[in-house]
C-alpha atoms as a PDB file:
ATOM      1  CA  MET A   1     -55.159  34.455  -8.183  1.00  0.00           C
ATOM      2  CA  LYS A   2     -56.634  37.804  -7.258  1.00  0.00           C
ATOM      3  CA  PRO A   3     -55.971  39.319  -3.817  1.00  0.00           C
ATOM      4  CA  GLY A   4     -59.476  38.612  -2.488  1.00  0.00           C
ATOM      5  CA  ASP A   5     -59.539  35.025  -3.717  1.00  0.00           C
ATOM      6  CA  ARG A   6     -57.672  33.668  -0.690  1.00  0.00           C
ATOM      7  CA  GLU A   7     -60.228  35.079   1.758  1.00  0.00           C
ATOM      8  CA  LEU A   8     -63.076  33.889  -0.450  1.00  0.00           C
ATOM      9  CA  PHE A   9     -61.529  30.419  -0.571  1.00  0.00           C
ATOM     10  CA  ILE A  10     -61.185  30.284   3.225  1.00  0.00           C
ATOM     11  CA  GLU A  11     -64.848  31.235   3.494  1.00  0.00           C
ATOM     12  CA  GLN A  12     -65.786  28.476   1.028  1.00  0.00           C
ATOM     13  CA  VAL A  13     -63.754  25.924   3.002  1.00  0.00           C
ATOM     14  CA  ARG A  14     -65.652  26.833   6.175  1.00  0.00           C
ATOM     15  CA  GLU A  15     -68.986  26.648   4.387  1.00  0.00           C
ATOM     16  CA  HIS A  16     -68.417  23.369   2.557  1.00  0.00           C
ATOM     17  CA  HIS A  17     -66.109  21.371   4.843  1.00  0.00           C
ATOM     18  CA  ALA A  18     -68.746  19.286   6.648  1.00  0.00           C
ATOM     19  CA  GLY A  19     -70.805  18.738   3.501  1.00  0.00           C
ATOM     20  CA  LEU A  20     -67.756  17.662   1.539  1.00  0.00           C
ATOM     21  CA  ARG A  21     -66.786  15.152   4.219  1.00  0.00           C
ATOM     22  CA  GLY A  22     -70.302  13.695   4.099  1.00  0.00           C
ATOM     23  CA  PHE A  23     -70.175  13.532   0.316  1.00  0.00           C
ATOM     24  CA  VAL A  24     -66.788  11.784   0.346  1.00  0.00           C
ATOM     25  CA  ARG A  25     -68.083   9.323   2.940  1.00  0.00           C
ATOM     26  CA  SER A  26     -71.142   8.634   0.746  1.00  0.00           C
ATOM     27  CA  LEU A  27     -68.814   7.623  -2.099  1.00  0.00           C
ATOM     28  CA  GLY A  28     -67.637   4.653  -0.059  1.00  0.00           C
ATOM     29  CA  VAL A  29     -64.353   6.051   1.181  1.00  0.00           C
ATOM     30  CA  ASP A  30     -63.066   4.301   4.275  1.00  0.00           C
ATOM     31  CA  PRO A  31     -63.820   6.499   7.309  1.00  0.00           C
ATOM     32  CA  LEU A  32     -60.136   6.586   8.189  1.00  0.00           C
ATOM     33  CA  TRP A  33     -59.437   8.349   4.867  1.00  0.00           C
ATOM     34  CA  VAL A  34     -62.430  10.701   4.568  1.00  0.00           C
ATOM     35  CA  ASP A  35     -60.559  13.694   5.998  1.00  0.00           C
ATOM     36  CA  ASP A  36     -57.547  13.044   3.770  1.00  0.00           C
ATOM     37  CA  VAL A  37     -59.632  12.849   0.613  1.00  0.00           C
ATOM     38  CA  ALA A  38     -61.583  15.979   1.578  1.00  0.00           C
ATOM     39  CA  GLN A  39     -58.320  17.794   2.261  1.00  0.00           C
ATOM     40  CA  GLU A  40     -56.927  16.676  -1.103  1.00  0.00           C
ATOM     41  CA  ALA A  41     -60.067  18.035  -2.773  1.00  0.00           C
ATOM     42  CA  PHE A  42     -59.559  21.423  -1.101  1.00  0.00           C
ATOM     43  CA  ILE A  43     -55.898  21.473  -2.136  1.00  0.00           C
ATOM     44  CA  VAL A  44     -56.794  20.687  -5.746  1.00  0.00           C
ATOM     45  CA  ALA A  45     -59.540  23.333  -5.636  1.00  0.00           C
ATOM     46  CA  TYR A  46     -57.107  25.903  -4.252  1.00  0.00           C
ATOM     47  CA  ASN A  47     -54.553  25.095  -6.941  1.00  0.00           C
ATOM     48  CA  ARG A  48     -57.221  25.372  -9.622  1.00  0.00           C
ATOM     49  CA  LEU A  49     -59.010  28.390  -8.231  1.00  0.00           C
ATOM     50  CA  ASP A  50     -58.219  30.304 -11.419  1.00  0.00           C
ATOM     51  CA  GLU A  51     -60.330  27.765 -13.338  1.00  0.00           C
ATOM     52  CA  PHE A  52     -63.384  28.254 -11.095  1.00  0.00           C
ATOM     53  CA  ASP A  53     -66.247  30.230 -12.626  1.00  0.00           C
ATOM     54  CA  HIS A  54     -67.277  32.559  -9.777  1.00  0.00           C
ATOM     55  CA  SER A  55     -70.767  32.893 -11.245  1.00  0.00           C
ATOM     56  CA  ARG A  56     -71.375  29.224 -10.359  1.00  0.00           C
ATOM     57  CA  ASP A  57     -71.830  27.465  -7.028  1.00  0.00           C
ATOM     58  CA  PHE A  58     -68.593  26.362  -5.363  1.00  0.00           C
ATOM     59  CA  GLY A  59     -70.104  23.237  -3.720  1.00  0.00           C
ATOM     60  CA  PRO A  60     -70.833  21.205  -6.871  1.00  0.00           C
ATOM     61  CA  TRP A  61     -67.438  22.132  -8.317  1.00  0.00           C
ATOM     62  CA  LEU A  62     -65.728  20.971  -5.136  1.00  0.00           C
ATOM     63  CA  ARG A  63     -67.755  17.736  -5.009  1.00  0.00           C
ATOM     64  CA  GLY A  64     -66.787  17.070  -8.632  1.00  0.00           C
ATOM     65  CA  ILE A  65     -63.135  17.361  -7.680  1.00  0.00           C
ATOM     66  CA  ALA A  66     -63.640  14.977  -4.736  1.00  0.00           C
ATOM     67  CA  ARG A  67     -65.534  12.556  -6.959  1.00  0.00           C
ATOM     68  CA  ASN A  68     -62.671  12.545  -9.461  1.00  0.00           C
ATOM     69  CA  LEU A  69     -60.153  11.927  -6.684  1.00  0.00           C
ATOM     70  CA  VAL A  70     -62.119   8.887  -5.531  1.00  0.00           C
ATOM     71  CA  ILE A  71     -62.464   7.606  -9.106  1.00  0.00           C
ATOM     72  CA  ASN A  72     -58.706   7.984  -9.596  1.00  0.00           C
ATOM     73  CA  GLU A  73     -58.050   6.215  -6.306  1.00  0.00           C
ATOM     74  CA  ARG A  74     -60.199   3.287  -7.374  1.00  0.00           C
ATOM     75  CA  ARG A  75     -58.592   3.109 -10.806  1.00  0.00           C
ATOM     76  CA  LYS A  76     -55.035   2.948  -9.663  1.00  0.00           C
ATOM     77  CA  ASP A  77     -55.727   0.516  -6.796  1.00  0.00           C
ATOM     78  CA  ALA A  78     -53.117   2.383  -4.807  1.00  0.00           C
ATOM     79  CA  ARG A  79     -50.763   0.920  -2.250  1.00  0.00           C
ATOM     80  CA  ARG A  80     -53.036   2.281   0.463  1.00  0.00           C
ATOM     81  CA  LYS A  81     -56.590   0.992   0.377  1.00  0.00           C
ATOM     82  CA  ARG A  82     -59.043   3.820   1.025  1.00  0.00           C
ATOM     83  CA  ILE A  83     -62.235   2.492  -0.486  1.00  0.00           C
ATOM     84  CA  LEU A  84     -64.580   0.787   1.982  1.00  0.00           C
ATOM     85  CA  SER A  85     -65.707  -1.977  -0.388  1.00  0.00           C
ATOM     86  CA  ASP A  86     -62.094  -3.177  -0.664  1.00  0.00           C
ATOM     87  CA  ASN A  87     -62.006  -3.493   3.100  1.00  0.00           C
ATOM     88  CA  LEU A  88     -65.249  -5.467   3.156  1.00  0.00           C
ATOM     89  CA  THR A  89     -63.331  -8.576   2.121  1.00  0.00           C
ATOM     90  CA  GLU A  90     -61.214  -8.383   5.246  1.00  0.00           C
ATOM     91  CA  VAL A  91     -64.312  -8.041   7.428  1.00  0.00           C
ATOM     92  CA  LEU A  92     -66.070 -10.974   5.780  1.00  0.00           C
ATOM     93  CA  ILE A  93     -63.037 -13.170   6.296  1.00  0.00           C
ATOM     94  CA  ALA A  94     -62.442 -12.113   9.889  1.00  0.00           C
ATOM     95  CA  SER A  95     -64.163 -14.019  12.666  1.00  0.00           C
ATOM     96  CA  SER A  96     -66.315 -12.206  15.163  1.00  0.00           C
ATOM     97  CA  SER A  97     -63.629 -12.516  17.857  1.00  0.00           C
ATOM     98  CA  ALA A  98     -61.221  -9.631  18.363  1.00  0.00           C
ATOM     99  CA  GLY A  99     -57.909 -10.107  16.621  1.00  0.00           C
ATOM    100  CA  GLU A 100     -54.628  -8.219  16.575  1.00  0.00           C
ATOM    101  CA  GLU A 101     -55.875  -5.859  13.873  1.00  0.00           C
ATOM    102  CA  GLU A 102     -58.884  -4.848  15.959  1.00  0.00           C
ATOM    103  CA  GLU A 103     -56.684  -4.175  18.976  1.00  0.00           C
ATOM    104  CA  GLU A 104     -54.665  -1.679  16.901  1.00  0.00           C
ATOM    105  CA  MET A 105     -57.743   0.225  15.682  1.00  0.00           C
ATOM    106  CA  GLY A 106     -58.998   3.443  17.168  1.00  0.00           C
ATOM    107  CA  ASP A 107     -62.275   3.427  19.108  1.00  0.00           C
ATOM    108  CA  PHE A 108     -64.361   4.825  16.237  1.00  0.00           C
ATOM    109  CA  ALA A 109     -62.964   2.354  13.706  1.00  0.00           C
ATOM    110  CA  LEU A 110     -63.551  -0.532  16.084  1.00  0.00           C
ATOM    111  CA  VAL A 111     -67.155   0.542  16.745  1.00  0.00           C
ATOM    112  CA  ARG A 112     -67.706   0.847  12.993  1.00  0.00           C
ATOM    113  CA  LEU A 113     -66.132  -2.561  12.320  1.00  0.00           C
ATOM    114  CA  ASN A 114     -68.228  -4.227  15.008  1.00  0.00           C
ATOM    115  CA  ALA A 115     -71.375  -2.582  13.653  1.00  0.00           C
ATOM    116  CA  LEU A 116     -70.543  -3.865  10.162  1.00  0.00           C
ATOM    117  CA  LYS A 117     -69.962  -7.390  11.462  1.00  0.00           C
ATOM    118  CA  GLU A 118     -73.285  -7.358  13.321  1.00  0.00           C
ATOM    119  CA  CYS A 119     -75.106  -6.077  10.258  1.00  0.00           C
ATOM    120  CA  ILE A 120     -73.517  -8.699   8.010  1.00  0.00           C
ATOM    121  CA  LYS A 121     -74.673 -11.426  10.423  1.00  0.00           C
ATOM    122  CA  GLU A 122     -78.252 -10.160  10.026  1.00  0.00           C
ATOM    123  CA  LEU A 123     -78.250 -10.554   6.226  1.00  0.00           C
ATOM    124  CA  PRO A 124     -80.362 -13.287   4.658  1.00  0.00           C
ATOM    125  CA  GLU A 125     -78.363 -16.302   3.473  1.00  0.00           C
ATOM    126  CA  LYS A 126     -78.675 -15.474  -0.233  1.00  0.00           C
ATOM    127  CA  SER A 127     -77.549 -11.880   0.350  1.00  0.00           C
ATOM    128  CA  LEU A 128     -74.588 -13.087   2.358  1.00  0.00           C
ATOM    129  CA  ARG A 129     -73.618 -15.506  -0.422  1.00  0.00           C
ATOM    130  CA  LEU A 130     -73.909 -12.716  -3.030  1.00  0.00           C
ATOM    131  CA  LEU A 131     -71.790 -10.394  -0.906  1.00  0.00           C
ATOM    132  CA  LYS A 132     -69.137 -13.036  -0.299  1.00  0.00           C
ATOM    133  CA  SER A 133     -69.074 -13.979  -3.971  1.00  0.00           C
ATOM    134  CA  ARG A 134     -68.433 -10.362  -4.954  1.00  0.00           C
ATOM    135  CA  TYR A 135     -66.100  -9.147  -2.221  1.00  0.00           C
ATOM    136  CA  GLU A 136     -64.449 -12.275  -0.847  1.00  0.00           C
ATOM    137  CA  ASP A 137     -64.162 -14.309  -4.038  1.00  0.00           C
ATOM    138  CA  ASP A 138     -63.830 -11.175  -6.218  1.00  0.00           C
ATOM    139  CA  HIS A 139     -66.270 -12.477  -8.832  1.00  0.00           C
ATOM    140  CA  SER A 140     -67.632 -10.157 -11.504  1.00  0.00           C
ATOM    141  CA  ALA A 141     -71.328  -9.349 -11.839  1.00  0.00           C
ATOM    142  CA  GLN A 142     -71.405 -11.654 -14.876  1.00  0.00           C
ATOM    143  CA  ASP A 143     -69.922 -14.568 -12.906  1.00  0.00           C
ATOM    144  CA  ILE A 144     -72.284 -13.976  -9.994  1.00  0.00           C
ATOM    145  CA  ALA A 145     -75.256 -13.727 -12.372  1.00  0.00           C
ATOM    146  CA  GLU A 146     -74.432 -17.156 -13.794  1.00  0.00           C
ATOM    147  CA  GLU A 147     -73.911 -18.644 -10.337  1.00  0.00           C
ATOM    148  CA  PHE A 148     -77.209 -17.287  -8.952  1.00  0.00           C
ATOM    149  CA  SER A 149     -79.308 -17.509 -12.150  1.00  0.00           C
ATOM    150  CA  MET A 150     -79.671 -13.738 -12.338  1.00  0.00           C
ATOM    151  CA  ASN A 151     -78.752 -11.147 -14.934  1.00  0.00           C
ATOM    152  CA  PRO A 152     -75.731  -8.854 -14.315  1.00  0.00           C
ATOM    153  CA  PRO A 153     -77.771  -5.637 -13.820  1.00  0.00           C
ATOM    154  CA  ALA A 154     -79.882  -7.432 -11.196  1.00  0.00           C
ATOM    155  CA  VAL A 155     -76.702  -8.535  -9.414  1.00  0.00           C
ATOM    156  CA  ARG A 156     -75.335  -4.974  -9.417  1.00  0.00           C
ATOM    157  CA  LYS A 157     -78.657  -3.621  -8.124  1.00  0.00           C
ATOM    158  CA  ALA A 158     -78.836  -6.278  -5.402  1.00  0.00           C
ATOM    159  CA  LEU A 159     -75.289  -5.432  -4.280  1.00  0.00           C
ATOM    160  CA  GLU A 160     -76.091  -1.719  -4.332  1.00  0.00           C
ATOM    161  CA  ARG A 161     -79.171  -2.320  -2.146  1.00  0.00           C
ATOM    162  CA  MET A 162     -77.174  -4.490   0.253  1.00  0.00           C
ATOM    163  CA  ARG A 163     -74.482  -1.823   0.620  1.00  0.00           C
ATOM    164  CA  ALA A 164     -77.169   0.785   1.293  1.00  0.00           C
ATOM    165  CA  ALA A 165     -78.881  -1.504   3.818  1.00  0.00           C
ATOM    166  CA  LEU A 166     -75.549  -2.217   5.519  1.00  0.00           C
ATOM    167  CA  ARG A 167     -74.809   1.508   5.697  1.00  0.00           C
ATOM    168  CA  VAL A 168     -78.208   2.230   7.322  1.00  0.00           C
ATOM    169  CA  CYS A 169     -77.837  -0.715   9.699  1.00  0.00           C
ATOM    170  CA  MET A 170     -74.347   0.420  10.699  1.00  0.00           C
ATOM    171  CA  GLU A 171     -75.491   3.978  11.310  1.00  0.00           C
ATOM    172  CA  GLU A 172     -78.316   2.699  13.533  1.00  0.00           C
ATOM    173  CA  LYS A 173     -76.009   0.402  15.503  1.00  0.00           C
ATOM    174  CA  MET A 174     -73.397   3.133  15.862  1.00  0.00           C
ATOM    175  CA  ALA A 175     -76.061   5.581  17.071  1.00  0.00           C
ATOM    176  CA  ILE A 176     -77.169   3.052  19.688  1.00  0.00           C
ATOM    177  CA  THR A 177     -73.545   2.530  20.748  1.00  0.00           C
ATOM    178  CA  ALA A 178     -73.021   6.294  21.021  1.00  0.00           C
ATOM    179  CA  VAL A 179     -76.065   6.625  23.304  1.00  0.00           C
ATOM    180  CA  THR A 180     -75.036   3.828  25.639  1.00  0.00           C
END
């Protein structure tokens, strides 16, 4: 590492911190782990700074590192669950009444959980059955396709659209909660 690289890196961290957090969140990382994953990405970037081509943009390189961290996290199914879709099962199983787990959550996590529960309740019956089949029963796209008389790509697309719709719904509900 050259003498000026440290200052340049600090500048890049300042410039890309918020964007990286948003990118990590968009990959489906549980909100409680977004900062940790972003920090890991910066640590990896710092350790690999010698590999960075300074003629290229730092942001895409950094997002690639974060993306790889999330992929690795999903692959190893680590002892700590960080990926939001893994946590969806717990939410689908939980009743709408507050339980011990909710009492232990921070305010933001509780608001987010409640928003997700409300949004799930608003799903059409077929969508709810698809979601439960995938995340509660842990069925593959092939199994779900057979169960719902669909083809696997259609199942994956339907699930992708539902996750996107849930994300938008949650953001709207959380914005309303923040205003009130």
